[in-house]
Amino acid sequence: MRVALLVTCVADVFEPEVAEATVEVLTAGGCEVSCPQGQTCCGQPAWNAGFAADAARVAGTTLAALGRALDDGAEAVVVPAGSCAAMVRRFWPELFHLHGTPDQVDLAVRVADRTWELTELVPHLDLPPLALPEPTTVAWHHSCHLLRELRHTSAADVLDAVEGCDRTAWAADERCCGFGGLFSVKLPEVSVAMADDKVRSLLAADPRPDEVVSADASCLLHLRGRMASEGVAIRTRHVAQVLADALPAAGPLPADGPSEPSS
């Protein structure tokens, strides 16, 4: 399968390792991955803040980039974030209907129909057996957009195929972390309180997790900041990073090193 990767702003600016891990997982699953040039933001921050026209101007560049990728043979658009995937799938057709051209509306529908959030696609990939280098207890955080907008309730099931990855139950797994894009900027006290509530729930889990895992890097960024502030020693990792870490290690290089490329 040929896929186009929508990297997302958070991965591009803060968590490039998430994008790299996503490419590793997709490639291991038999995909040919491209990163369309010209993609920027999906427009969600401006859209959520009520600036629809600004959102359309920002998202229009990404829409065009993904459209070119589909024209060039990509069969799917893959997004390692429930929030951006929800924006593309659920809201782009409405956004460009309000502030776009008829051609943009048609393209937005076409792109939306081909867009997968990463954990939706993983079960359909031909991945090799997965096993973590060391046994790890994880707590899955259901990100709001993935759970409530895309209605993808079984995202964490991809971890069940990973040997050595044990999920622990915790009371606040479906509660919002408080990040919410501009919400954390406009109402920081409320945002911090919501994150701290989740952290307390993590500490009460039995067994206590080694790490909290999610499909949205923005949620993990927020929770990681609060745990660091409170001295809580629980790691955070994007699900793509867990899956990439569980891939079989590449075999050793030949004794004389890699061969020279043929001319």
Protein backbone atom coordinates (compact mmCIF):
# COMPACT_ATOMS: atom_id res chain seq x y z
CA MET A 1 0.00 0.00 0.00
CA ARG A 2 1.23 3.50 -0.85
CA VAL A 3 0.47 5.97 1.93
CA ALA A 4 0.98 9.69 2.44
CA LEU A 5 1.98 10.71 5.96
CA LEU A 6 0.43 13.81 7.52
CA VAL A 7 3.19 14.52 10.01
CA THR A 8 1.19 16.96 12.24
CA CYS A 9 2.51 20.18 13.77
CA VAL A 10 3.22 18.69 17.20
CA ALA A 11 5.32 15.89 15.74
CA ASP A 12 7.10 18.27 13.40
CA VAL A 13 7.98 20.83 16.08
CA PHE A 14 8.10 18.92 19.36
CA GLU A 15 8.09 15.16 18.72
CA PRO A 16 9.87 14.28 15.45
CA GLU A 17 10.57 10.84 16.89
CA VAL A 18 6.84 10.11 16.61
CA ALA A 19 6.87 10.74 12.87
CA GLU A 20 10.02 8.63 12.48
CA ALA A 21 8.47 5.78 14.45
CA THR A 22 5.30 6.01 12.37
CA VAL A 23 7.32 5.61 9.18
CA GLU A 24 9.15 2.62 10.69
CA VAL A 25 5.88 0.89 11.59
CA LEU A 26 4.21 1.58 8.25
CA THR A 27 7.27 0.43 6.32
CA ALA A 28 7.54 -2.74 8.40
CA GLY A 29 3.88 -3.38 7.61
CA GLY A 30 4.51 -3.31 3.88
CA CYS A 31 3.65 0.32 3.12
CA GLU A 32 5.50 2.65 0.80
CA VAL A 33 5.48 5.94 2.70
CA SER A 34 5.75 9.46 1.32
CA CYS A 35 5.79 12.79 3.17
CA PRO A 36 4.02 15.24 0.86
CA GLN A 37 5.89 18.51 0.44
CA GLY A 38 3.93 21.63 1.25
CA GLN A 39 1.91 20.24 4.14
CA THR A 40 1.68 22.55 7.14
CA CYS A 41 -1.16 22.54 9.68
CA CYS A 42 -4.60 20.95 9.48
CA GLY A 43 -6.11 24.24 10.71
CA GLN A 44 -7.61 22.85 13.89
CA PRO A 45 -6.38 25.53 16.35
CA ALA A 46 -7.92 28.36 14.32
CA TRP A 47 -11.08 26.32 13.62
CA ASN A 48 -11.60 25.53 17.31
CA ALA A 49 -11.05 29.19 18.19
CA GLY A 50 -13.79 30.29 15.79
CA PHE A 51 -11.52 31.68 13.06
CA ALA A 52 -12.81 29.51 10.25
CA ALA A 53 -11.51 31.66 7.39
CA ASP A 54 -8.02 31.65 8.87
CA ALA A 55 -8.28 27.88 9.40
CA ALA A 56 -9.15 27.40 5.73
CA ARG A 57 -6.19 29.49 4.60
CA VAL A 58 -3.82 27.44 6.74
CA ALA A 59 -5.38 24.07 5.95
CA GLY A 60 -5.60 24.82 2.24
CA THR A 61 -1.87 24.24 1.78
CA THR A 62 -2.09 20.85 3.48
CA LEU A 63 -5.21 19.93 1.52
CA ALA A 64 -3.40 20.69 -1.74
CA ALA A 65 -0.33 18.70 -0.66
CA LEU A 66 -2.37 15.64 0.25
CA GLY A 67 -4.40 15.96 -2.94
CA ARG A 68 -1.20 15.88 -4.98
CA ALA A 69 -0.10 12.78 -3.07
CA LEU A 70 -3.36 11.00 -3.94
CA ASP A 71 -2.99 12.06 -7.57
CA ASP A 72 0.53 10.59 -7.52
CA GLY A 73 -0.79 7.20 -6.43
CA ALA A 74 -1.11 7.28 -2.65
CA GLU A 75 -3.97 5.04 -1.57
CA ALA A 76 -4.34 6.40 1.95
CA VAL A 77 -3.44 9.34 4.16
CA VAL A 78 -2.14 8.26 7.57
CA VAL A 79 -2.14 10.54 10.62
CA PRO A 80 -0.40 9.65 13.92
CA ALA A 81 -2.84 11.83 15.91
CA GLY A 82 -6.52 11.46 16.61
CA SER A 83 -6.98 15.22 16.78
CA CYS A 84 -5.62 15.98 13.31
CA ALA A 85 -7.27 12.90 11.82
CA ALA A 86 -10.60 14.08 13.23
CA MET A 87 -10.09 17.54 11.76
CA VAL A 88 -9.42 16.11 8.31
CA ARG A 89 -12.15 13.47 8.38
CA ARG A 90 -14.91 15.22 10.28
CA PHE A 91 -14.43 18.93 9.70
CA TRP A 92 -12.50 19.63 6.51
CA PRO A 93 -15.55 19.19 4.24
CA GLU A 94 -17.50 21.67 6.41
CA LEU A 95 -14.55 24.06 6.68
CA PHE A 96 -13.99 24.30 2.94
CA HIS A 97 -17.73 24.47 2.29
CA LEU A 98 -17.76 27.62 4.44
CA HIS A 99 -14.51 29.17 3.25
CA GLY A 100 -13.30 27.44 0.12
CA THR A 101 -13.97 26.76 -3.51
CA PRO A 102 -16.12 23.94 -4.91
CA ASP A 103 -12.91 22.21 -6.02
CA GLN A 104 -11.56 22.40 -2.47
CA VAL A 105 -14.78 20.95 -1.09
CA ASP A 106 -14.57 18.02 -3.51
CA LEU A 107 -10.92 17.46 -2.66
CA ALA A 108 -11.60 17.71 1.09
CA VAL A 109 -14.22 14.96 0.78
CA ARG A 110 -11.82 12.84 -1.26
CA VAL A 111 -8.99 13.25 1.26
CA ALA A 112 -11.32 12.67 4.22
CA ASP A 113 -12.51 9.41 2.71
CA ARG A 114 -8.90 8.18 2.40
CA THR A 115 -7.67 9.29 5.83
CA TRP A 116 -6.79 6.83 8.58
CA GLU A 117 -5.59 7.50 12.09
CA LEU A 118 -2.56 5.28 12.65
CA THR A 119 -4.11 2.80 15.10
CA GLU A 120 -7.06 2.30 12.74
CA LEU A 121 -4.71 1.13 9.99
CA VAL A 122 -2.25 -0.94 12.04
CA PRO A 123 -4.53 -4.02 12.35
CA HIS A 124 -4.67 -4.16 8.54
CA LEU A 125 -0.88 -4.16 8.10
CA ASP A 126 1.25 -7.25 7.61
CA LEU A 127 3.52 -6.61 10.57
CA PRO A 128 6.06 -9.14 11.83
CA PRO A 129 5.75 -10.53 15.37
CA LEU A 130 6.15 -7.70 17.86
CA ALA A 131 7.99 -7.93 21.18
CA LEU A 132 9.38 -5.26 23.47
CA PRO A 133 13.02 -5.57 24.55
CA GLU A 134 11.89 -5.47 28.20
CA PRO A 135 8.50 -6.19 29.82
CA THR A 136 6.63 -2.92 30.22
CA THR A 137 3.41 -2.04 32.03
CA VAL A 138 1.51 0.69 30.20
CA ALA A 139 -1.53 2.82 30.91
CA TRP A 140 -3.47 3.78 27.79
CA HIS A 141 -4.80 7.34 27.58
CA HIS A 142 -7.86 7.68 25.33
CA SER A 143 -7.37 11.02 23.60
CA CYS A 144 -10.57 13.02 23.23
CA HIS A 145 -10.69 13.42 19.46
CA LEU A 146 -9.86 9.79 18.78
CA LEU A 147 -12.45 8.56 21.26
CA ARG A 148 -15.22 11.14 20.93
CA GLU A 149 -14.90 12.47 17.39
CA LEU A 150 -13.68 9.40 15.50
CA ARG A 151 -15.43 6.97 17.88
CA HIS A 152 -12.39 4.72 17.78
CA THR A 153 -12.75 2.91 21.09
CA SER A 154 -10.36 0.02 20.40
CA ALA A 155 -7.17 1.95 19.61
CA ALA A 156 -5.32 0.40 22.54
CA ASP A 157 -5.93 -3.09 21.17
CA VAL A 158 -2.89 -2.71 18.91
CA LEU A 159 -0.78 -3.05 22.06
CA ASP A 160 -2.26 -6.46 22.82
CA ALA A 161 -0.32 -7.91 19.89
CA VAL A 162 2.97 -6.78 21.45
CA GLU A 163 4.73 -9.38 23.57
CA GLY A 164 5.94 -7.90 26.83
CA CYS A 165 3.46 -5.02 26.77
CA ASP A 166 0.98 -5.33 29.63
CA ARG A 167 -1.85 -2.86 30.03
CA THR A 168 -2.99 -1.73 33.46
CA ALA A 169 -6.45 -0.38 34.20
CA TRP A 170 -6.87 3.11 35.64
CA ALA A 171 -9.93 5.12 36.50
CA ALA A 172 -9.21 8.23 34.43
CA ASP A 173 -8.21 6.61 31.15
CA GLU A 174 -11.09 8.26 29.24
CA ARG A 175 -10.94 11.65 30.94
CA CYS A 176 -9.58 14.66 29.07
CA CYS A 177 -5.97 15.47 29.94
CA GLY A 178 -6.73 19.19 29.86
CA PHE A 179 -4.51 20.11 26.92
CA GLY A 180 -7.21 20.83 24.36
CA GLY A 181 -5.03 23.05 22.17
CA LEU A 182 -5.97 26.66 22.94
CA PHE A 183 -7.89 25.53 26.03
CA SER A 184 -4.62 25.04 27.91
CA VAL A 185 -3.56 28.57 26.95
CA LYS A 186 -6.84 30.34 27.67
CA LEU A 187 -7.68 28.43 30.86
CA PRO A 188 -4.31 27.23 32.19
CA GLU A 189 -5.45 26.72 35.79
CA VAL A 190 -8.29 24.42 34.69
CA SER A 191 -6.00 22.65 32.25
CA VAL A 192 -3.40 21.95 34.94
CA ALA A 193 -6.05 20.71 37.37
CA MET A 194 -7.38 18.27 34.78
CA ALA A 195 -3.91 16.92 34.04
CA ASP A 196 -3.12 16.56 37.74
CA ASP A 197 -6.34 14.62 38.22
CA LYS A 198 -5.18 12.14 35.59
CA VAL A 199 -1.73 11.90 37.16
CA ARG A 200 -3.27 11.05 40.54
CA SER A 201 -5.26 8.31 38.83
CA LEU A 202 -2.09 6.93 37.25
CA LEU A 203 -0.40 6.77 40.65
CA ALA A 204 -3.39 4.85 42.04
CA ALA A 205 -3.30 2.20 39.29
CA ASP A 206 -2.40 -1.34 40.34
CA PRO A 207 0.03 -2.29 38.99
CA ARG A 208 1.48 1.19 38.59
CA PRO A 209 2.47 1.77 34.95
CA ASP A 210 5.99 2.25 33.70
CA GLU A 211 4.65 4.56 31.04
CA VAL A 212 1.49 6.18 29.74
CA VAL A 213 0.82 5.60 26.05
CA SER A 214 -1.53 7.41 23.68
CA ALA A 215 -2.15 8.08 20.01
CA ASP A 216 -1.86 11.86 20.46
CA ALA A 217 1.52 13.46 21.13
CA SER A 218 -0.13 16.68 22.34
CA CYS A 219 -1.80 14.89 25.25
CA LEU A 220 1.47 13.18 26.14
CA LEU A 221 3.35 16.46 25.98
CA HIS A 222 0.91 17.97 28.48
CA LEU A 223 0.94 14.99 30.84
CA ARG A 224 4.72 14.68 30.66
CA GLY A 225 5.09 18.32 31.67
CA ARG A 226 2.82 17.93 34.66
CA MET A 227 4.48 14.70 35.82
CA ALA A 228 7.92 16.29 35.51
CA SER A 229 6.68 19.26 37.55
CA GLU A 230 5.34 16.95 40.26
CA GLY A 231 8.33 14.59 40.27
CA VAL A 232 6.35 11.59 38.98
CA ALA A 233 8.63 9.02 37.36
CA ILE A 234 6.28 7.64 34.70
CA ARG A 235 7.42 7.83 31.09
CA THR A 236 5.24 8.86 28.16
CA ARG A 237 5.41 7.35 24.69
CA HIS A 238 3.34 7.61 21.56
CA VAL A 239 1.87 4.31 20.44
CA ALA A 240 3.96 4.50 17.25
CA GLN A 241 7.11 4.55 19.38
CA VAL A 242 6.00 1.47 21.31
CA LEU A 243 5.24 -0.43 18.11
CA ALA A 244 8.52 0.65 16.50
CA ASP A 245 10.45 -0.44 19.59
CA ALA A 246 8.76 -3.85 19.36
CA LEU A 247 9.77 -4.49 15.76
CA PRO A 248 12.37 -7.22 15.23
CA ALA A 249 15.87 -5.80 15.29
CA ALA A 250 17.66 -5.64 11.97
CA GLY A 251 20.25 -8.34 11.49
CA PRO A 252 23.95 -7.55 11.92
CA LEU A 253 25.76 -5.93 9.03
CA PRO A 254 28.18 -8.10 7.06
CA ALA A 255 31.70 -8.21 8.50
CA ASP A 256 33.00 -5.94 5.75
CA GLY A 257 30.22 -3.39 6.32
CA PRO A 258 27.46 -2.26 3.99
CA SER A 259 27.97 -2.72 0.30
CA GLU A 260 28.56 0.27 -1.92
CA PRO A 261 25.58 1.37 -4.02
CA SER A 262 25.79 0.23 -7.60
CA SER A 263 26.55 2.90 -10.16
